[in-house]
Amino acid sequence: MSSIKPRVKVPKSASAGEVITIKTLINHQMESGQRKDSSGNVIPRKIINRFACTFNGQEVISVDIDPAVSANPYFEFQAKIPEAGEFVFTWVDDDGTVYEERKEIAIG
């Protein structure tokens, strides 16, 4: 599997009350557990099963992900920015591994 690396695009600044678009992508093969390898053995399931985003500790979005999602899951969503602060993006893998990315946004 390639290196698992989250990528997030958030504007560096916004006006108070502005609605911004956030884009996220994580490089992950998302193995469903239903395919077999060349020897006929089932490849174990390994997916990102949860994605969440908070802003200054408040939940913005939370998604439970099923095995049918394609590799490298991409999410695009909007958030209203009431103040300067920090977004925290979290992806949880089946094996319990947590991938996190943080982005700050200023009011300008």
Protein backbone atom coordinates (compact mmCIF):
# COMPACT_ATOMS: atom_id res chain seq x y z
CA MET A 1 0.00 0.00 0.00
CA SER A 2 1.21 3.48 -0.73
CA SER A 3 1.94 5.87 2.10
CA ILE A 4 -1.25 7.04 3.78
CA LYS A 5 -1.26 10.83 3.76
CA PRO A 6 -4.24 13.11 4.32
CA ARG A 7 -4.51 16.22 2.19
CA VAL A 8 -6.73 19.15 3.14
CA LYS A 9 -7.49 22.43 1.38
CA VAL A 10 -8.83 25.24 3.59
CA PRO A 11 -8.60 28.98 2.82
CA LYS A 12 -5.99 30.78 4.96
CA SER A 13 -8.54 33.47 5.87
CA ALA A 14 -12.23 34.32 5.61
CA SER A 15 -14.63 37.02 6.75
CA ALA A 16 -16.60 36.38 9.94
CA GLY A 17 -19.81 34.62 8.93
CA GLU A 18 -18.48 33.58 5.51
CA VAL A 19 -19.25 30.11 4.17
CA ILE A 20 -16.11 28.41 2.87
CA THR A 21 -15.53 25.21 0.90
CA ILE A 22 -13.23 22.58 2.39
CA LYS A 23 -11.72 19.74 0.37
CA THR A 24 -10.14 16.61 1.86
CA LEU A 25 -8.54 13.51 0.40
CA ILE A 26 -6.67 10.62 2.00
CA ASN A 27 -4.50 8.21 0.02
CA HIS A 28 -5.79 4.78 1.07
CA GLN A 29 -6.48 1.63 -0.96
CA MET A 30 -9.73 0.85 0.92
CA GLU A 31 -9.61 -2.96 0.75
CA SER A 32 -13.20 -4.26 1.14
CA GLY A 33 -12.29 -7.74 2.40
CA GLN A 34 -14.13 -9.37 -0.50
CA ARG A 35 -11.30 -9.69 -3.05
CA LYS A 36 -8.74 -12.50 -3.26
CA ASP A 37 -5.02 -12.34 -3.91
CA SER A 38 -3.25 -14.30 -6.67
CA SER A 39 -3.09 -17.36 -4.37
CA GLY A 40 -6.85 -17.33 -3.79
CA ASN A 41 -6.64 -16.05 -0.22
CA VAL A 42 -9.10 -13.40 0.91
CA ILE A 43 -7.40 -10.02 1.30
CA PRO A 44 -8.36 -8.75 4.78
CA ARG A 45 -10.67 -5.75 5.02
CA LYS A 46 -8.83 -2.49 5.68
CA ILE A 47 -10.80 0.68 5.14
CA ILE A 48 -11.06 4.17 6.53
CA ASN A 49 -14.35 3.65 8.40
CA ARG A 50 -14.86 7.13 9.87
CA PHE A 51 -14.13 10.73 8.91
CA ALA A 52 -14.80 13.73 11.12
CA CYS A 53 -14.01 17.43 11.16
CA THR A 54 -14.23 19.86 14.07
CA PHE A 55 -13.74 23.62 14.24
CA ASN A 56 -12.58 24.99 17.60
CA GLY A 57 -13.85 21.79 19.20
CA GLN A 58 -17.32 21.93 17.57
CA GLU A 59 -18.31 19.16 15.16
CA VAL A 60 -18.64 20.33 11.56
CA ILE A 61 -19.15 16.95 9.87
CA SER A 62 -18.99 13.29 10.84
CA VAL A 63 -19.23 10.42 8.34
CA ASP A 64 -19.33 6.64 8.82
CA ILE A 65 -17.76 5.02 5.76
CA ASP A 66 -18.74 1.64 4.31
CA PRO A 67 -16.51 -0.77 2.33
CA ALA A 68 -18.18 0.24 -0.96
CA VAL A 69 -16.38 3.61 -0.93
CA SER A 70 -13.63 3.85 -3.54
CA ALA A 71 -9.94 4.08 -2.81
CA ASN A 72 -8.59 7.48 -1.77
CA PRO A 73 -11.83 8.84 -0.27
CA TYR A 74 -12.50 12.49 -1.11
CA PHE A 75 -14.87 14.73 0.80
CA GLU A 76 -15.90 18.28 -0.09
CA PHE A 77 -18.16 20.26 2.23
CA GLN A 78 -18.92 23.78 3.39
CA ALA A 79 -18.57 25.42 6.79
CA LYS A 80 -19.60 28.81 8.13
CA ILE A 81 -16.70 30.57 9.85
CA PRO A 82 -17.82 32.56 12.92
CA GLU A 83 -14.29 33.36 14.15
CA ALA A 84 -10.61 32.57 13.65
CA GLY A 85 -9.70 29.09 14.71
CA GLU A 86 -8.48 25.61 13.93
CA PHE A 87 -10.02 22.79 11.95
CA VAL A 88 -9.10 19.27 13.01
CA PHE A 89 -9.67 16.51 10.45
CA THR A 90 -9.64 12.89 11.60
CA TRP A 91 -9.75 9.63 9.63
CA VAL A 92 -10.03 6.28 11.49
CA ASP A 93 -8.78 3.03 9.93
CA ASP A 94 -10.21 -0.44 10.67
CA ASP A 95 -7.06 -1.33 12.59
CA GLY A 96 -7.60 1.64 14.93
CA THR A 97 -4.98 3.87 13.31
CA VAL A 98 -6.00 7.52 13.41
CA TYR A 99 -4.78 9.97 10.79
CA GLU A 100 -5.10 13.64 11.68
CA GLU A 101 -4.52 16.91 9.90
CA ARG A 102 -4.94 20.43 11.33
CA LYS A 103 -5.52 23.68 9.50
CA GLU A 104 -5.89 27.17 10.92
CA ILE A 105 -8.02 29.91 9.44
CA ALA A 106 -7.80 33.63 10.23
CA ILE A 107 -10.48 36.30 10.03
CA GLY A 108 -9.37 38.85 7.52
